[in-house]
N, C-alpha and C. Protein backbone atom coordinates (compact mmCIF):
# COMPACT_ATOMS: atom_id res chain seq x y z
N MET A 1 156.27 175.11 203.16
CA MET A 1 156.30 175.44 201.69
C MET A 1 155.15 174.85 201.05
N ALA A 2 154.36 175.47 200.27
CA ALA A 2 153.26 174.82 199.48
C ALA A 2 153.84 174.21 198.22
N SER A 3 153.22 173.11 197.87
CA SER A 3 153.71 172.36 196.72
C SER A 3 152.38 171.73 196.04
N LEU A 4 152.47 171.62 194.71
CA LEU A 4 151.36 171.03 193.96
C LEU A 4 151.75 169.54 193.62
N LEU A 5 150.84 168.61 193.58
CA LEU A 5 151.17 167.24 193.25
C LEU A 5 150.42 166.78 191.88
N PRO A 6 151.12 166.62 190.90
CA PRO A 6 150.49 166.14 189.74
C PRO A 6 150.57 164.56 189.62
N VAL A 7 149.67 164.09 188.79
CA VAL A 7 149.78 162.68 188.58
C VAL A 7 150.16 162.43 187.11
N LEU A 8 150.62 161.19 186.67
CA LEU A 8 151.01 161.08 185.22
C LEU A 8 149.84 161.44 184.38
N ALA A 9 150.12 162.37 183.46
CA ALA A 9 149.09 162.93 182.61
C ALA A 9 148.77 162.02 181.44
N LEU A 10 147.90 161.13 181.57
CA LEU A 10 147.37 160.22 180.53
C LEU A 10 146.31 160.98 179.69
N ALA A 11 145.61 161.85 180.22
CA ALA A 11 144.55 162.73 179.55
C ALA A 11 144.60 164.06 180.12
N GLN A 12 143.90 164.85 179.38
CA GLN A 12 143.79 166.35 179.76
C GLN A 12 142.40 166.67 180.04
N PRO A 13 142.04 167.48 180.82
CA PRO A 13 142.92 168.22 181.74
C PRO A 13 143.52 167.41 182.88
N VAL A 14 144.59 167.97 183.45
CA VAL A 14 145.26 167.37 184.60
C VAL A 14 144.80 168.01 185.87
N SER A 15 144.28 167.19 186.81
CA SER A 15 143.97 167.74 188.08
C SER A 15 145.10 167.81 189.06
N LEU A 16 145.25 168.98 189.66
CA LEU A 16 146.35 169.23 190.58
C LEU A 16 145.72 169.47 191.97
N SER A 17 146.45 169.13 192.99
CA SER A 17 145.92 169.38 194.38
C SER A 17 147.17 169.80 195.24
N TRP A 18 147.05 170.52 196.23
CA TRP A 18 147.98 170.95 197.22
C TRP A 18 148.42 169.82 198.08
N LEU A 19 149.70 169.55 198.21
CA LEU A 19 150.11 168.40 198.93
C LEU A 19 149.52 168.49 200.44
N ASP A 20 149.36 169.58 201.00
CA ASP A 20 148.90 169.69 202.49
C ASP A 20 147.39 169.96 202.37
N LYS A 21 146.79 169.85 201.26
CA LYS A 21 145.26 170.07 201.06
C LYS A 21 144.89 171.59 201.12
N SER A 22 145.77 172.51 201.28
CA SER A 22 145.43 173.82 201.35
C SER A 22 146.38 174.77 200.65
N PRO A 23 146.03 175.92 200.10
CA PRO A 23 147.01 176.72 199.43
C PRO A 23 147.93 177.45 200.55
N PRO A 24 148.93 178.19 200.04
CA PRO A 24 149.82 178.75 201.00
C PRO A 24 149.08 179.89 201.63
N PRO A 25 149.44 180.23 203.06
CA PRO A 25 148.74 181.23 203.76
C PRO A 25 149.13 182.59 203.24
N SER A 26 150.18 182.74 202.40
CA SER A 26 150.54 184.07 201.93
C SER A 26 151.02 183.88 200.49
N LYS A 27 151.10 185.05 199.66
CA LYS A 27 151.59 184.86 198.28
C LYS A 27 153.00 184.38 198.26
N GLN A 28 153.32 183.51 197.42
CA GLN A 28 154.69 182.88 197.21
C GLN A 28 154.69 182.19 195.83
N GLY A 29 155.81 182.16 195.31
CA GLY A 29 156.08 181.39 194.05
C GLY A 29 156.00 179.89 194.33
N VAL A 30 155.42 179.21 193.40
CA VAL A 30 155.33 177.73 193.51
C VAL A 30 155.57 177.16 192.07
N ALA A 31 156.50 176.26 192.06
CA ALA A 31 156.87 175.59 190.83
C ALA A 31 156.71 174.08 190.90
N TRP A 32 156.31 173.42 189.77
CA TRP A 32 156.16 171.92 189.84
C TRP A 32 156.39 171.46 188.40
N GLY A 33 156.40 170.16 188.34
CA GLY A 33 156.45 169.60 186.96
C GLY A 33 155.41 168.49 186.73
N VAL A 34 155.23 168.35 185.52
CA VAL A 34 154.13 167.37 185.12
C VAL A 34 154.66 166.33 184.12
N PRO A 35 154.64 165.07 184.39
CA PRO A 35 155.07 164.04 183.38
C PRO A 35 153.84 163.69 182.45
N TRP A 36 154.18 163.66 181.08
CA TRP A 36 153.19 163.35 180.12
C TRP A 36 153.41 161.95 179.47
N ALA A 37 152.30 161.39 179.17
CA ALA A 37 152.46 160.10 178.45
C ALA A 37 152.90 160.30 176.97
N LYS A 38 153.63 159.40 176.55
CA LYS A 38 154.23 159.65 175.16
C LYS A 38 153.25 159.85 174.12
N GLY A 39 153.39 160.92 173.42
CA GLY A 39 152.50 161.22 172.27
C GLY A 39 151.34 162.13 172.71
N LYS A 40 151.09 162.50 173.96
CA LYS A 40 149.88 163.06 174.44
C LYS A 40 149.95 164.58 174.15
N ILE A 41 151.14 165.21 174.31
CA ILE A 41 151.26 166.59 174.19
C ILE A 41 152.43 166.95 173.18
N GLN A 42 152.17 167.58 172.10
CA GLN A 42 153.15 167.89 171.14
C GLN A 42 154.07 168.96 171.56
N LYS A 43 155.38 169.05 170.99
CA LYS A 43 156.30 170.00 171.12
C LYS A 43 155.67 171.41 170.77
N GLY A 44 156.00 172.45 171.59
CA GLY A 44 155.50 173.74 171.31
C GLY A 44 154.12 174.04 171.96
N ALA A 45 153.56 172.98 172.60
CA ALA A 45 152.24 173.31 173.26
C ALA A 45 152.32 174.29 174.35
N THR A 46 151.24 175.02 174.57
CA THR A 46 151.19 175.98 175.66
C THR A 46 150.02 175.51 176.61
N PHE A 47 150.03 176.09 177.74
CA PHE A 47 149.17 175.49 178.89
C PHE A 47 148.34 176.69 179.56
N THR A 48 147.21 176.29 180.01
CA THR A 48 146.33 177.14 180.78
C THR A 48 146.07 176.56 182.21
N LEU A 49 145.95 177.32 183.19
CA LEU A 49 145.56 176.78 184.64
C LEU A 49 144.31 177.47 184.96
N THR A 50 143.43 176.78 185.58
CA THR A 50 142.17 177.40 186.12
C THR A 50 141.93 176.68 187.57
N THR A 51 141.25 177.60 188.35
CA THR A 51 140.81 177.17 189.70
C THR A 51 139.35 177.63 189.82
N ALA A 52 138.45 176.75 190.02
CA ALA A 52 137.03 177.05 190.11
C ALA A 52 136.64 177.76 188.87
N GLY A 53 137.12 177.40 187.80
CA GLY A 53 136.76 178.02 186.53
C GLY A 53 137.37 179.35 186.13
N GLN A 54 138.20 179.82 187.08
CA GLN A 54 138.87 181.15 186.78
C GLN A 54 140.23 180.95 186.45
N PRO A 55 140.79 181.64 185.41
CA PRO A 55 142.14 181.53 185.09
C PRO A 55 143.14 182.05 186.02
N VAL A 56 144.29 181.31 186.09
CA VAL A 56 145.33 181.64 186.97
C VAL A 56 146.53 181.90 186.06
N PRO A 57 147.20 183.04 186.26
CA PRO A 57 148.46 183.40 185.41
C PRO A 57 149.47 182.29 185.66
N LEU A 58 150.05 181.75 184.58
CA LEU A 58 150.96 180.58 184.55
C LEU A 58 152.14 180.81 183.72
N GLN A 59 153.32 180.34 184.11
CA GLN A 59 154.45 180.20 183.21
C GLN A 59 154.73 178.69 183.04
N SER A 60 154.96 178.34 181.82
CA SER A 60 155.29 176.91 181.48
C SER A 60 156.53 176.74 180.61
N TRP A 61 157.22 175.58 180.71
CA TRP A 61 158.49 175.43 179.97
C TRP A 61 158.65 173.85 179.72
N PRO A 62 159.27 173.58 178.64
CA PRO A 62 159.44 172.15 178.46
C PRO A 62 160.71 171.64 179.23
N LEU A 63 160.68 170.46 179.80
CA LEU A 63 161.86 169.92 180.48
C LEU A 63 162.43 168.64 179.88
N ALA A 64 161.60 167.84 179.18
CA ALA A 64 162.03 166.68 178.45
C ALA A 64 161.08 166.24 177.34
N TYR A 65 161.72 165.60 176.39
CA TYR A 65 160.87 165.11 175.30
C TYR A 65 161.05 163.63 175.00
N TRP A 66 159.97 162.96 174.57
CA TRP A 66 160.02 161.63 174.19
C TRP A 66 160.69 161.55 172.77
N PRO A 67 161.27 160.28 172.43
CA PRO A 67 161.97 160.10 171.17
C PRO A 67 161.09 160.55 169.95
N ASP A 68 159.70 160.59 170.13
CA ASP A 68 158.93 161.02 168.92
C ASP A 68 158.75 162.52 168.90
N GLY A 69 159.42 163.21 169.93
CA GLY A 69 159.32 164.65 169.95
C GLY A 69 158.29 165.24 170.71
N SER A 70 157.34 164.45 171.21
CA SER A 70 156.28 164.88 172.16
C SER A 70 156.81 165.22 173.56
N LEU A 71 156.10 165.98 174.31
CA LEU A 71 156.59 166.37 175.71
C LEU A 71 156.52 165.19 176.57
N MET A 72 157.62 165.00 177.28
CA MET A 72 157.61 163.90 178.35
C MET A 72 157.46 164.69 179.75
N TRP A 73 158.03 165.81 179.93
CA TRP A 73 157.80 166.55 181.23
C TRP A 73 157.76 168.02 180.90
N THR A 74 156.94 168.77 181.63
CA THR A 74 156.86 170.30 181.57
C THR A 74 156.96 170.84 182.99
N GLY A 75 157.62 172.07 183.05
CA GLY A 75 157.72 172.76 184.33
C GLY A 75 156.60 173.85 184.29
N HIS A 76 156.06 174.22 185.39
CA HIS A 76 155.08 175.16 185.54
C HIS A 76 155.34 176.05 186.84
N ALA A 77 154.99 177.36 186.83
CA ALA A 77 155.06 178.15 187.97
C ALA A 77 154.06 179.19 188.12
N ILE A 78 153.52 179.45 189.33
CA ILE A 78 152.51 180.46 189.55
C ILE A 78 152.90 181.21 190.82
N SER A 79 152.16 182.34 190.98
CA SER A 79 152.23 183.15 192.11
C SER A 79 151.09 182.72 192.97
N ALA A 80 151.36 181.69 193.91
CA ALA A 80 150.22 181.12 194.67
C ALA A 80 149.80 182.04 195.77
N ALA A 81 148.53 182.02 196.15
CA ALA A 81 148.01 182.80 197.19
C ALA A 81 146.77 182.06 197.91
N PRO A 82 146.32 182.54 199.01
CA PRO A 82 145.28 181.75 199.83
C PRO A 82 143.97 181.61 198.90
N ASP A 83 143.79 182.55 197.99
CA ASP A 83 142.65 182.46 197.16
C ASP A 83 142.63 181.39 196.04
N ILE A 84 143.85 180.80 195.87
CA ILE A 84 143.95 179.69 194.82
C ILE A 84 143.86 178.41 195.55
N ALA A 85 142.74 178.10 196.04
CA ALA A 85 142.50 176.92 196.79
C ALA A 85 142.38 175.64 196.00
N GLY A 86 141.74 175.73 194.77
CA GLY A 86 141.56 174.61 194.00
C GLY A 86 140.19 174.22 193.90
N PRO A 87 139.68 173.25 193.24
CA PRO A 87 140.65 172.31 192.48
C PRO A 87 141.28 173.08 191.38
N LEU A 88 142.62 172.66 190.97
CA LEU A 88 143.33 173.33 190.02
C LEU A 88 143.19 172.29 188.65
N GLU A 89 143.23 172.93 187.50
CA GLU A 89 143.27 172.05 186.27
C GLU A 89 144.18 172.73 185.26
N LEU A 90 145.05 171.86 184.84
CA LEU A 90 146.10 172.28 183.81
C LEU A 90 145.73 171.61 182.55
N ALA A 91 145.65 172.43 181.55
CA ALA A 91 145.24 171.91 180.19
C ALA A 91 146.03 172.62 179.05
N PRO A 92 146.02 171.99 177.93
CA PRO A 92 146.61 172.82 176.77
C PRO A 92 145.77 173.89 176.53
N GLY A 93 146.35 175.10 176.28
CA GLY A 93 145.64 176.30 175.98
C GLY A 93 146.59 177.48 176.22
N THR A 94 146.00 178.64 176.22
CA THR A 94 146.71 179.96 176.30
C THR A 94 146.71 180.35 177.79
N ALA A 95 147.88 180.61 178.34
CA ALA A 95 147.96 180.96 179.82
C ALA A 95 147.36 182.39 180.02
N ALA A 96 146.71 182.59 181.14
CA ALA A 96 146.19 183.89 181.56
C ALA A 96 147.51 184.79 181.93
N LEU A 97 147.37 186.12 181.57
CA LEU A 97 148.43 187.08 181.88
C LEU A 97 148.20 187.59 183.28
N PRO A 98 149.28 188.00 183.88
CA PRO A 98 149.18 188.55 185.16
C PRO A 98 148.49 189.89 185.22
N ALA A 99 147.83 190.39 186.27
CA ALA A 99 147.22 191.64 186.22
C ALA A 99 148.19 192.78 186.05
N THR A 100 149.31 192.66 186.46
CA THR A 100 150.43 193.62 186.26
C THR A 100 151.58 193.07 185.73
N ALA A 101 152.01 193.53 184.68
CA ALA A 101 153.29 192.93 183.91
C ALA A 101 154.46 193.50 184.67
N VAL A 102 155.58 192.80 184.69
CA VAL A 102 156.86 193.38 185.02
C VAL A 102 157.38 194.20 183.86
N LYS A 103 157.89 195.40 184.37
CA LYS A 103 158.49 196.23 183.40
C LYS A 103 160.02 196.45 183.63
N THR A 104 160.87 196.37 182.63
CA THR A 104 162.21 196.68 182.91
C THR A 104 162.68 197.84 181.98
N THR A 105 163.65 198.58 182.44
CA THR A 105 164.23 199.66 181.69
C THR A 105 165.84 199.48 181.96
N SER A 106 166.55 199.86 181.01
CA SER A 106 168.02 199.80 181.32
C SER A 106 168.72 200.99 180.55
N ASP A 107 169.95 201.32 181.13
CA ASP A 107 170.83 202.19 180.39
C ASP A 107 172.21 201.76 180.77
N ALA A 108 173.14 202.49 180.44
CA ALA A 108 174.59 202.10 180.63
C ALA A 108 174.87 202.11 182.18
N SER A 109 174.12 202.64 183.17
CA SER A 109 174.37 202.71 184.45
C SER A 109 173.55 201.87 185.37
N ALA A 110 172.37 201.36 184.82
CA ALA A 110 171.57 200.63 185.68
C ALA A 110 170.42 199.92 184.97
N ILE A 111 169.93 198.91 185.68
CA ILE A 111 168.84 198.13 185.18
C ILE A 111 167.66 198.30 186.29
N GLU A 112 166.46 198.75 185.84
CA GLU A 112 165.43 198.98 186.72
C GLU A 112 164.30 197.99 186.48
N ILE A 113 163.85 197.29 187.48
CA ILE A 113 162.70 196.38 187.37
C ILE A 113 161.59 196.84 188.24
N ASP A 114 160.45 196.98 187.56
CA ASP A 114 159.17 197.48 188.26
C ASP A 114 158.13 196.36 188.23
N THR A 115 157.83 195.85 189.37
CA THR A 115 156.82 194.74 189.50
C THR A 115 155.44 195.24 189.61
N GLY A 116 155.24 196.51 189.67
CA GLY A 116 153.89 197.12 189.86
C GLY A 116 153.63 197.36 191.36
N THR A 117 154.28 196.51 192.22
CA THR A 117 154.27 196.67 193.71
C THR A 117 155.49 197.26 194.24
N ILE A 118 156.68 196.79 193.75
CA ILE A 118 157.82 197.23 194.22
C ILE A 118 158.68 197.74 193.07
N HIS A 119 159.20 198.90 193.10
CA HIS A 119 160.00 199.44 192.07
C HIS A 119 160.92 200.46 192.68
N PRO A 120 162.15 200.76 191.94
CA PRO A 120 163.18 201.55 192.55
C PRO A 120 162.67 203.05 192.87
């Protein structure tokens, strides 16, 4: 299983590397957390991820806060693939959107989820 290794984020951007030095051999979801130094990233911040200068679609969420309200830990997830080799950089900013958005529809009898690749 592929995994990313962050270091304590004292400055931005944060450099990330694959634990086994290479991306996963096939597409798969990867999630990781980043610890932030007190006061470095304010509550409500958003993040961007790039590899070789190219944006990578990213989901981020807060995990913990310092007493001053700044972020202590954030969680992040991507759809990793062999072409996301790195180096990866995480920084405050607006995340890239995926090429195909997930669409949902529902009625009283069913909920349909269309990923663009797989749908009912």
